[in-house]
Amino acid sequence: MSLAKLCIILVRPKYSGNIGATARAMDNFGVQDLRLVEPPAFRRQEADTMAVHARGVLDRLRIYPSLREASADCQRVIGTTCRSGLYREGGRAPRSLAAELVPALDLNRSALVFGPEDTGLTNADLRYCHGVATIPTAAHFRSLNVAQAVLICCYELFLAGQDTATGDPPTAQYPGDGDESVHVAARELALAERQEFMYDKLQQALLKLGFLHRDNPDHIMMAFRRILGRAGLEDRDVRILLGLARQIDWYATHGWRSQSSEPARHNTQSAHRK
């Protein structure tokens, strides 16, 4: 199976040599779509030196001002991290993730996102990711060079693609209750930008309702993103959630007034009947 719909996104990469080494790792496994977010200083000559024969990947790379824009046309966005934390729970090894991601590539453009060499992805970056991948390493030294991390992930996806190169309809594999896995037909998911638009509207509505804390709305919104990210949202799901956001917004603005006046009208009518 081809990895043509897979893209690699490097967020704020610091060293042009690592960009070139990433291009080489991608080309080894047939991944051609490289995207950079806010690279502080991209020096093509340094990148070429490390890319060797993968300079075609560098010729086609695109640079974006934000991760949201870089992943807008993707339907599945997976962030990578070696750190633990509240918003980094449930990180899956690339091998486990590949079993789900590769069959879905027939219908869904997907992105693997890697952070800066010194800090990795921030929590603000992870808000745009639908899931998290963590490469297993020895406990005493978890950090990997970004190009090495890209190489490992592309290798695992390439192997999974070889395993699924049959004439059968694509299926995605999800963890079952026990050790076995559940195979379901791959679904076409909503574009990331469409999902982000929905999250914006939902956050605005929940703020107006008073459900989110104004000083830190991201805390609960990240929980919503994790829940819905695991589900994998289709366009129909996004439309329903947008309708929910509009209804919450209406109620927070007008609905409570009409509802609170109903008992008063009812009591007045009862008094007249008496």
C-alpha atoms as a PDB file:
ATOM      1  CA  MET A   1       0.000   0.000   0.000  1.00  0.00           C
ATOM      2  CA  SER A   2       1.267   3.473  -0.915  1.00  0.00           C
ATOM      3  CA  LEU A   3       2.100   6.111   1.693  1.00  0.00           C
ATOM      4  CA  ALA A   4       1.331   8.877  -0.807  1.00  0.00           C
ATOM      5  CA  LYS A   5      -1.302  10.417   1.504  1.00  0.00           C
ATOM      6  CA  LEU A   6       1.065  10.569   4.463  1.00  0.00           C
ATOM      7  CA  CYS A   7       2.826  13.836   5.244  1.00  0.00           C
ATOM      8  CA  ILE A   8       5.524  14.668   7.766  1.00  0.00           C
ATOM      9  CA  ILE A   9       5.267  18.006   9.570  1.00  0.00           C
ATOM     10  CA  LEU A  10       8.277  19.433  11.402  1.00  0.00           C
ATOM     11  CA  VAL A  11       7.290  22.194  13.822  1.00  0.00           C
ATOM     12  CA  ARG A  12       9.902  24.923  14.336  1.00  0.00           C
ATOM     13  CA  PRO A  13      12.890  22.721  13.366  1.00  0.00           C
ATOM     14  CA  LYS A  14      16.122  24.362  14.486  1.00  0.00           C
ATOM     15  CA  TYR A  15      18.717  22.697  12.247  1.00  0.00           C
ATOM     16  CA  SER A  16      18.646  22.522   8.473  1.00  0.00           C
ATOM     17  CA  GLY A  17      20.747  19.355   8.579  1.00  0.00           C
ATOM     18  CA  ASN A  18      17.940  17.601  10.434  1.00  0.00           C
ATOM     19  CA  ILE A  19      15.468  18.734   7.774  1.00  0.00           C
ATOM     20  CA  GLY A  20      17.673  17.149   5.120  1.00  0.00           C
ATOM     21  CA  ALA A  21      18.102  13.944   7.140  1.00  0.00           C
ATOM     22  CA  THR A  22      14.321  13.828   7.586  1.00  0.00           C
ATOM     23  CA  ALA A  23      13.852  14.097   3.819  1.00  0.00           C
ATOM     24  CA  ARG A  24      16.237  11.166   3.337  1.00  0.00           C
ATOM     25  CA  ALA A  25      14.390   9.055   5.934  1.00  0.00           C
ATOM     26  CA  MET A  26      11.078   9.816   4.244  1.00  0.00           C
ATOM     27  CA  ASP A  27      12.321   8.991   0.760  1.00  0.00           C
ATOM     28  CA  ASN A  28      13.667   5.629   1.957  1.00  0.00           C
ATOM     29  CA  PHE A  29      10.059   4.553   2.582  1.00  0.00           C
ATOM     30  CA  GLY A  30       8.211   6.369  -0.190  1.00  0.00           C
ATOM     31  CA  VAL A  31       6.923   9.346   1.802  1.00  0.00           C
ATOM     32  CA  GLN A  32       7.204  12.529  -0.261  1.00  0.00           C
ATOM     33  CA  ASP A  33       5.188  15.263   1.475  1.00  0.00           C
ATOM     34  CA  LEU A  34       7.349  17.301   3.889  1.00  0.00           C
ATOM     35  CA  ARG A  35       5.958  20.395   5.584  1.00  0.00           C
ATOM     36  CA  LEU A  36       7.723  22.874   7.880  1.00  0.00           C
ATOM     37  CA  VAL A  37       6.085  25.156  10.443  1.00  0.00           C
ATOM     38  CA  GLU A  38       7.951  28.345  11.301  1.00  0.00           C
ATOM     39  CA  PRO A  39      11.507  27.121  10.671  1.00  0.00           C
ATOM     40  CA  PRO A  40      13.705  29.828  12.258  1.00  0.00           C
ATOM     41  CA  ALA A  41      16.374  29.566   9.546  1.00  0.00           C
ATOM     42  CA  PHE A  42      16.157  27.086   6.681  1.00  0.00           C
ATOM     43  CA  ARG A  43      19.454  26.744   4.810  1.00  0.00           C
ATOM     44  CA  ARG A  44      18.914  24.652   1.703  1.00  0.00           C
ATOM     45  CA  GLN A  45      22.595  23.852   1.169  1.00  0.00           C
ATOM     46  CA  GLU A  46      22.909  22.318   4.659  1.00  0.00           C
ATOM     47  CA  ALA A  47      19.724  20.335   4.093  1.00  0.00           C
ATOM     48  CA  ASP A  48      20.948  19.080   0.707  1.00  0.00           C
ATOM     49  CA  THR A  49      24.127  17.728   2.287  1.00  0.00           C
ATOM     50  CA  MET A  50      22.152  15.468   4.627  1.00  0.00           C
ATOM     51  CA  ALA A  51      19.381  14.622   2.140  1.00  0.00           C
ATOM     52  CA  VAL A  52      21.876  13.049  -0.315  1.00  0.00           C
ATOM     53  CA  HIS A  53      19.641  11.548  -3.044  1.00  0.00           C
ATOM     54  CA  ALA A  54      16.368  12.718  -1.456  1.00  0.00           C
ATOM     55  CA  ARG A  55      16.656  16.317  -2.631  1.00  0.00           C
ATOM     56  CA  GLY A  56      13.411  15.916  -4.560  1.00  0.00           C
ATOM     57  CA  VAL A  57      11.574  15.822  -1.218  1.00  0.00           C
ATOM     58  CA  LEU A  58      13.204  19.156  -0.334  1.00  0.00           C
ATOM     59  CA  ASP A  59      12.223  20.598  -3.735  1.00  0.00           C
ATOM     60  CA  ARG A  60       8.576  19.943  -2.921  1.00  0.00           C
ATOM     61  CA  LEU A  61       8.510  20.953   0.766  1.00  0.00           C
ATOM     62  CA  ARG A  62       6.117  23.662   1.874  1.00  0.00           C
ATOM     63  CA  ILE A  63       6.473  26.155   4.731  1.00  0.00           C
ATOM     64  CA  TYR A  64       3.507  27.273   6.864  1.00  0.00           C
ATOM     65  CA  PRO A  65       3.036  29.932   9.545  1.00  0.00           C
ATOM     66  CA  SER A  66       1.173  27.597  11.933  1.00  0.00           C
ATOM     67  CA  LEU A  67       0.511  23.923  12.606  1.00  0.00           C
ATOM     68  CA  ARG A  68      -3.200  24.507  12.089  1.00  0.00           C
ATOM     69  CA  GLU A  69      -2.556  25.690   8.528  1.00  0.00           C
ATOM     70  CA  ALA A  70       0.003  22.961   7.845  1.00  0.00           C
ATOM     71  CA  SER A  71      -2.472  20.227   8.801  1.00  0.00           C
ATOM     72  CA  ALA A  72      -5.654  21.866   7.461  1.00  0.00           C
ATOM     73  CA  ASP A  73      -6.091  19.445   4.525  1.00  0.00           C
ATOM     74  CA  CYS A  74      -5.374  16.346   6.640  1.00  0.00           C
ATOM     75  CA  GLN A  75      -8.018  14.146   8.203  1.00  0.00           C
ATOM     76  CA  ARG A  76      -5.873  12.405  10.801  1.00  0.00           C
ATOM     77  CA  VAL A  77      -3.098  14.255  12.673  1.00  0.00           C
ATOM     78  CA  ILE A  78      -0.799  12.409  15.075  1.00  0.00           C
ATOM     79  CA  GLY A  79       1.639  14.256  17.312  1.00  0.00           C
ATOM     80  CA  THR A  80       4.784  12.637  18.677  1.00  0.00           C
ATOM     81  CA  THR A  81       6.225  13.044  22.157  1.00  0.00           C
ATOM     82  CA  CYS A  82       8.732  11.381  24.475  1.00  0.00           C
ATOM     83  CA  ARG A  83       7.422  13.226  27.541  1.00  0.00           C
ATOM     84  CA  SER A  84       4.578  12.357  29.872  1.00  0.00           C
ATOM     85  CA  GLY A  85       1.965  14.771  31.123  1.00  0.00           C
ATOM     86  CA  LEU A  86      -1.719  15.526  31.410  1.00  0.00           C
ATOM     87  CA  TYR A  87      -2.213  16.114  27.686  1.00  0.00           C
ATOM     88  CA  ARG A  88       0.169  13.359  26.569  1.00  0.00           C
ATOM     89  CA  GLU A  89      -1.596  10.320  28.011  1.00  0.00           C
ATOM     90  CA  GLY A  90      -2.379   7.340  25.852  1.00  0.00           C
ATOM     91  CA  GLY A  91       0.652   7.644  23.576  1.00  0.00           C
ATOM     92  CA  ARG A  92       0.842   4.630  21.256  1.00  0.00           C
ATOM     93  CA  ALA A  93       3.923   2.973  19.810  1.00  0.00           C
ATOM     94  CA  PRO A  94       4.344   3.533  16.054  1.00  0.00           C
ATOM     95  CA  ARG A  95       3.824  -0.188  15.380  1.00  0.00           C
ATOM     96  CA  SER A  96       0.434  -0.165  17.096  1.00  0.00           C
ATOM     97  CA  LEU A  97      -0.523   3.108  15.469  1.00  0.00           C
ATOM     98  CA  ALA A  98       0.483   1.895  11.997  1.00  0.00           C
ATOM     99  CA  ALA A  99      -2.057  -0.935  12.147  1.00  0.00           C
ATOM    100  CA  GLU A 100      -4.802   1.708  12.366  1.00  0.00           C
ATOM    101  CA  LEU A 101      -3.311   4.509  10.295  1.00  0.00           C
ATOM    102  CA  VAL A 102      -2.105   2.691   7.178  1.00  0.00           C
ATOM    103  CA  PRO A 103      -5.417   1.081   6.122  1.00  0.00           C
ATOM    104  CA  ALA A 104      -7.136   4.446   6.576  1.00  0.00           C
ATOM    105  CA  LEU A 105      -4.686   6.182   4.192  1.00  0.00           C
ATOM    106  CA  ASP A 106      -6.726   5.066   1.190  1.00  0.00           C
ATOM    107  CA  LEU A 107      -9.419   7.522   2.278  1.00  0.00           C
ATOM    108  CA  ASN A 108      -7.680   9.961   4.601  1.00  0.00           C
ATOM    109  CA  ARG A 109      -4.656  12.200   4.240  1.00  0.00           C
ATOM    110  CA  SER A 110      -2.724  11.817   7.490  1.00  0.00           C
ATOM    111  CA  ALA A 111       0.103  13.693   9.173  1.00  0.00           C
ATOM    112  CA  LEU A 112       2.799  12.759  11.651  1.00  0.00           C
ATOM    113  CA  VAL A 113       3.940  15.829  13.585  1.00  0.00           C
ATOM    114  CA  PHE A 114       7.379  16.250  15.178  1.00  0.00           C
ATOM    115  CA  GLY A 115       8.452  19.114  17.425  1.00  0.00           C
ATOM    116  CA  PRO A 116      11.641  21.168  17.795  1.00  0.00           C
ATOM    117  CA  GLU A 117      14.831  19.284  18.598  1.00  0.00           C
ATOM    118  CA  ASP A 118      15.282  20.821  22.045  1.00  0.00           C
ATOM    119  CA  THR A 119      11.739  20.891  23.456  1.00  0.00           C
ATOM    120  CA  GLY A 120       9.463  18.746  21.297  1.00  0.00           C
ATOM    121  CA  LEU A 121       5.826  19.642  20.736  1.00  0.00           C
ATOM    122  CA  THR A 122       4.205  21.979  23.253  1.00  0.00           C
ATOM    123  CA  ASN A 123       0.739  21.458  24.719  1.00  0.00           C
ATOM    124  CA  ALA A 124      -0.448  24.231  22.404  1.00  0.00           C
ATOM    125  CA  ASP A 125       0.848  22.207  19.427  1.00  0.00           C
ATOM    126  CA  LEU A 126      -0.804  19.020  20.653  1.00  0.00           C
ATOM    127  CA  ARG A 127      -4.231  20.651  20.626  1.00  0.00           C
ATOM    128  CA  TYR A 128      -4.202  20.239  16.821  1.00  0.00           C
ATOM    129  CA  CYS A 129      -3.412  16.517  17.029  1.00  0.00           C
ATOM    130  CA  HIS A 130      -6.045  13.775  17.114  1.00  0.00           C
ATOM    131  CA  GLY A 131      -3.729  11.296  18.803  1.00  0.00           C
ATOM    132  CA  VAL A 132      -0.244  10.883  20.261  1.00  0.00           C
ATOM    133  CA  ALA A 133       2.580   8.513  19.320  1.00  0.00           C
ATOM    134  CA  THR A 134       5.489   7.645  21.609  1.00  0.00           C
ATOM    135  CA  ILE A 135       8.514   5.635  20.467  1.00  0.00           C
ATOM    136  CA  PRO A 136       9.557   3.087  23.130  1.00  0.00           C
ATOM    137  CA  THR A 137      13.103   3.696  24.369  1.00  0.00           C
ATOM    138  CA  ALA A 138      15.300   2.904  27.352  1.00  0.00           C
ATOM    139  CA  ALA A 139      13.988   4.767  30.392  1.00  0.00           C
ATOM    140  CA  HIS A 140      17.250   6.604  31.094  1.00  0.00           C
ATOM    141  CA  PHE A 141      17.371   8.350  27.680  1.00  0.00           C
ATOM    142  CA  ARG A 142      14.044   8.888  25.938  1.00  0.00           C
ATOM    143  CA  SER A 143      14.932  11.701  23.551  1.00  0.00           C
ATOM    144  CA  LEU A 144      15.586  10.857  19.887  1.00  0.00           C
ATOM    145  CA  ASN A 145      17.020  12.962  17.097  1.00  0.00           C
ATOM    146  CA  VAL A 146      14.036  14.197  15.069  1.00  0.00           C
ATOM    147  CA  ALA A 147      15.232  12.556  11.827  1.00  0.00           C
ATOM    148  CA  GLN A 148      15.709   9.257  13.683  1.00  0.00           C
ATOM    149  CA  ALA A 149      12.177   9.507  15.051  1.00  0.00           C
ATOM    150  CA  VAL A 150      10.822  10.159  11.550  1.00  0.00           C
ATOM    151  CA  LEU A 151      12.798   7.166  10.251  1.00  0.00           C
ATOM    152  CA  ILE A 152      11.345   4.799  12.870  1.00  0.00           C
ATOM    153  CA  CYS A 153       7.769   5.963  12.274  1.00  0.00           C
ATOM    154  CA  CYS A 154       8.044   5.787   8.477  1.00  0.00           C
ATOM    155  CA  TYR A 155       9.617   2.316   8.735  1.00  0.00           C
ATOM    156  CA  GLU A 156       6.738   0.996  10.853  1.00  0.00           C
ATOM    157  CA  LEU A 157       4.131   2.469   8.515  1.00  0.00           C
ATOM    158  CA  PHE A 158       5.979   1.092   5.482  1.00  0.00           C
ATOM    159  CA  LEU A 159       6.013  -2.412   6.997  1.00  0.00           C
ATOM    160  CA  ALA A 160       2.314  -2.183   7.850  1.00  0.00           C
ATOM    161  CA  GLY A 161       1.670  -1.106   4.273  1.00  0.00           C
ATOM    162  CA  GLN A 162       3.426  -4.220   2.967  1.00  0.00           C
ATOM    163  CA  ASP A 163       1.285  -6.387   5.233  1.00  0.00           C
ATOM    164  CA  THR A 164      -1.935  -4.836   3.942  1.00  0.00           C
ATOM    165  CA  ALA A 165      -1.003  -4.855   0.241  1.00  0.00           C
ATOM    166  CA  THR A 166      -3.885  -7.147  -0.782  1.00  0.00           C
ATOM    167  CA  GLY A 167      -7.005  -6.774  -2.843  1.00  0.00           C
ATOM    168  CA  ASP A 168      -9.218  -6.680   0.239  1.00  0.00           C
ATOM    169  CA  PRO A 169     -11.134  -3.520   1.205  1.00  0.00           C
ATOM    170  CA  PRO A 170      -9.133  -1.333   3.591  1.00  0.00           C
ATOM    171  CA  THR A 171      -9.765  -1.912   7.274  1.00  0.00           C
ATOM    172  CA  ALA A 172      -8.528  -0.116  10.363  1.00  0.00           C
ATOM    173  CA  GLN A 173      -7.451  -2.053  13.456  1.00  0.00           C
ATOM    174  CA  TYR A 174      -8.442  -0.868  16.911  1.00  0.00           C
ATOM    175  CA  PRO A 175      -7.653  -2.362  20.326  1.00  0.00           C
ATOM    176  CA  GLY A 176     -10.271  -4.783  21.618  1.00  0.00           C
ATOM    177  CA  ASP A 177     -11.220  -5.636  25.191  1.00  0.00           C
ATOM    178  CA  GLY A 178      -8.505  -8.272  25.432  1.00  0.00           C
ATOM    179  CA  ASP A 179      -5.338  -8.915  23.497  1.00  0.00           C
ATOM    180  CA  GLU A 180      -7.172  -9.357  20.214  1.00  0.00           C
ATOM    181  CA  SER A 181      -7.996  -6.381  18.003  1.00  0.00           C
ATOM    182  CA  VAL A 182     -11.170  -5.268  16.276  1.00  0.00           C
ATOM    183  CA  HIS A 183     -11.088  -4.687  12.509  1.00  0.00           C
ATOM    184  CA  VAL A 184     -13.529  -2.148  11.098  1.00  0.00           C
ATOM    185  CA  ALA A 185     -13.953  -0.684   7.640  1.00  0.00           C
ATOM    186  CA  ALA A 186     -11.862   2.454   7.166  1.00  0.00           C
ATOM    187  CA  ARG A 187     -13.975   5.640   7.150  1.00  0.00           C
ATOM    188  CA  GLU A 188     -13.460   8.976   5.461  1.00  0.00           C
ATOM    189  CA  LEU A 189     -12.963  11.525   8.232  1.00  0.00           C
ATOM    190  CA  ALA A 190     -13.595  15.256   8.351  1.00  0.00           C
ATOM    191  CA  LEU A 191     -10.797  17.614   7.365  1.00  0.00           C
ATOM    192  CA  ALA A 192      -8.731  18.914  10.268  1.00  0.00           C
ATOM    193  CA  GLU A 193      -9.641  22.533   9.509  1.00  0.00           C
ATOM    194  CA  ARG A 194     -13.335  21.646   9.546  1.00  0.00           C
ATOM    195  CA  GLN A 195     -12.839  20.021  12.943  1.00  0.00           C
ATOM    196  CA  GLU A 196     -10.938  23.072  14.210  1.00  0.00           C
ATOM    197  CA  PHE A 197     -13.782  25.335  13.109  1.00  0.00           C
ATOM    198  CA  MET A 198     -16.172  23.157  15.119  1.00  0.00           C
ATOM    199  CA  TYR A 199     -13.908  23.264  18.199  1.00  0.00           C
ATOM    200  CA  ASP A 200     -13.734  27.078  17.929  1.00  0.00           C
ATOM    201  CA  LYS A 201     -17.541  27.339  17.879  1.00  0.00           C
ATOM    202  CA  LEU A 202     -17.942  24.825  20.700  1.00  0.00           C
ATOM    203  CA  GLN A 203     -15.443  26.677  22.887  1.00  0.00           C
ATOM    204  CA  GLN A 204     -17.159  30.018  22.260  1.00  0.00           C
ATOM    205  CA  ALA A 205     -20.551  28.526  23.159  1.00  0.00           C
ATOM    206  CA  LEU A 206     -19.308  26.799  26.315  1.00  0.00           C
ATOM    207  CA  LEU A 207     -17.573  29.974  27.446  1.00  0.00           C
ATOM    208  CA  LYS A 208     -20.805  31.916  26.994  1.00  0.00           C
ATOM    209  CA  LEU A 209     -22.674  29.249  28.959  1.00  0.00           C
ATOM    210  CA  GLY A 210     -20.132  29.462  31.774  1.00  0.00           C
ATOM    211  CA  PHE A 211     -19.067  25.814  31.462  1.00  0.00           C
ATOM    212  CA  LEU A 212     -15.437  26.682  30.652  1.00  0.00           C
ATOM    213  CA  HIS A 213     -13.172  28.713  32.917  1.00  0.00           C
ATOM    214  CA  ARG A 214     -12.373  31.939  31.096  1.00  0.00           C
ATOM    215  CA  ASP A 215      -8.789  32.018  32.365  1.00  0.00           C
ATOM    216  CA  ASN A 216      -8.050  28.472  31.195  1.00  0.00           C
ATOM    217  CA  PRO A 217     -10.616  27.170  28.678  1.00  0.00           C
ATOM    218  CA  ASP A 218      -8.030  24.890  27.060  1.00  0.00           C
ATOM    219  CA  HIS A 219      -7.986  22.533  30.049  1.00  0.00           C
ATOM    220  CA  ILE A 220     -11.475  21.137  29.448  1.00  0.00           C
ATOM    221  CA  MET A 221     -11.314  21.663  25.687  1.00  0.00           C
ATOM    222  CA  MET A 222      -8.250  19.393  25.547  1.00  0.00           C
ATOM    223  CA  ALA A 223     -10.362  16.701  27.226  1.00  0.00           C
ATOM    224  CA  PHE A 224     -13.045  17.129  24.554  1.00  0.00           C
ATOM    225  CA  ARG A 225     -10.360  16.931  21.869  1.00  0.00           C
ATOM    226  CA  ARG A 226      -8.980  13.674  23.305  1.00  0.00           C
ATOM    227  CA  ILE A 227     -12.431  12.096  23.510  1.00  0.00           C
ATOM    228  CA  LEU A 228     -13.506  13.127  20.021  1.00  0.00           C
ATOM    229  CA  GLY A 229     -10.033  12.496  18.566  1.00  0.00           C
ATOM    230  CA  ARG A 230     -10.247   8.858  19.645  1.00  0.00           C
ATOM    231  CA  ALA A 231     -13.633   8.563  17.959  1.00  0.00           C
ATOM    232  CA  GLY A 232     -12.479   9.903  14.599  1.00  0.00           C
ATOM    233  CA  LEU A 233     -14.996  12.489  13.395  1.00  0.00           C
ATOM    234  CA  GLU A 234     -16.744  12.227  10.045  1.00  0.00           C
ATOM    235  CA  ASP A 235     -18.326  15.249   8.327  1.00  0.00           C
ATOM    236  CA  ARG A 236     -21.759  14.261   9.635  1.00  0.00           C
ATOM    237  CA  ASP A 237     -20.406  14.140  13.197  1.00  0.00           C
ATOM    238  CA  VAL A 238     -18.921  17.601  12.822  1.00  0.00           C
ATOM    239  CA  ARG A 239     -22.228  18.985  11.512  1.00  0.00           C
ATOM    240  CA  ILE A 240     -24.068  17.553  14.531  1.00  0.00           C
ATOM    241  CA  LEU A 241     -21.545  19.038  16.964  1.00  0.00           C
ATOM    242  CA  LEU A 242     -21.760  22.405  15.204  1.00  0.00           C
ATOM    243  CA  GLY A 243     -25.530  22.273  15.639  1.00  0.00           C
ATOM    244  CA  LEU A 244     -25.019  21.505  19.325  1.00  0.00           C
ATOM    245  CA  ALA A 245     -22.668  24.490  19.650  1.00  0.00           C
ATOM    246  CA  ARG A 246     -25.218  26.782  17.968  1.00  0.00           C
ATOM    247  CA  GLN A 247     -27.975  25.568  20.303  1.00  0.00           C
ATOM    248  CA  ILE A 248     -25.787  26.096  23.390  1.00  0.00           C
ATOM    249  CA  ASP A 249     -24.915  29.587  22.145  1.00  0.00           C
ATOM    250  CA  TRP A 250     -28.611  30.407  21.591  1.00  0.00           C
ATOM    251  CA  TYR A 251     -29.596  29.129  25.020  1.00  0.00           C
ATOM    252  CA  ALA A 252     -26.795  31.052  26.745  1.00  0.00           C
ATOM    253  CA  THR A 253     -27.881  34.238  24.951  1.00  0.00           C
ATOM    254  CA  HIS A 254     -31.698  34.006  24.801  1.00  0.00           C
ATOM    255  CA  GLY A 255     -33.049  30.589  25.717  1.00  0.00           C
ATOM    256  CA  TRP A 256     -32.790  30.838  29.480  1.00  0.00           C
ATOM    257  CA  ARG A 257     -35.001  33.951  29.437  1.00  0.00           C
ATOM    258  CA  SER A 258     -37.826  32.239  27.557  1.00  0.00           C
ATOM    259  CA  GLN A 259     -37.638  29.163  29.763  1.00  0.00           C
ATOM    260  CA  SER A 260     -37.504  31.125  33.020  1.00  0.00           C
ATOM    261  CA  SER A 261     -40.640  33.060  32.018  1.00  0.00           C
ATOM    262  CA  GLU A 262     -42.732  29.945  31.371  1.00  0.00           C
ATOM    263  CA  PRO A 263     -43.495  29.112  35.039  1.00  0.00           C
ATOM    264  CA  ALA A 264     -44.558  32.727  35.620  1.00  0.00           C
ATOM    265  CA  ARG A 265     -46.984  32.601  32.667  1.00  0.00           C
ATOM    266  CA  HIS A 266     -48.325  29.258  33.908  1.00  0.00           C
ATOM    267  CA  ASN A 267     -48.928  30.635  37.426  1.00  0.00           C
ATOM    268  CA  THR A 268     -50.706  33.727  36.041  1.00  0.00           C
ATOM    269  CA  GLN A 269     -53.036  31.606  33.914  1.00  0.00           C
ATOM    270  CA  SER A 270     -53.853  29.394  36.937  1.00  0.00           C
ATOM    271  CA  ALA A 271     -54.718  32.440  39.042  1.00  0.00           C
ATOM    272  CA  HIS A 272     -57.101  33.727  36.373  1.00  0.00           C
ATOM    273  CA  ARG A 273     -58.887  30.360  36.242  1.00  0.00           C
ATOM    274  CA  LYS A 274     -59.433  30.519  39.996  1.00  0.00           C
END
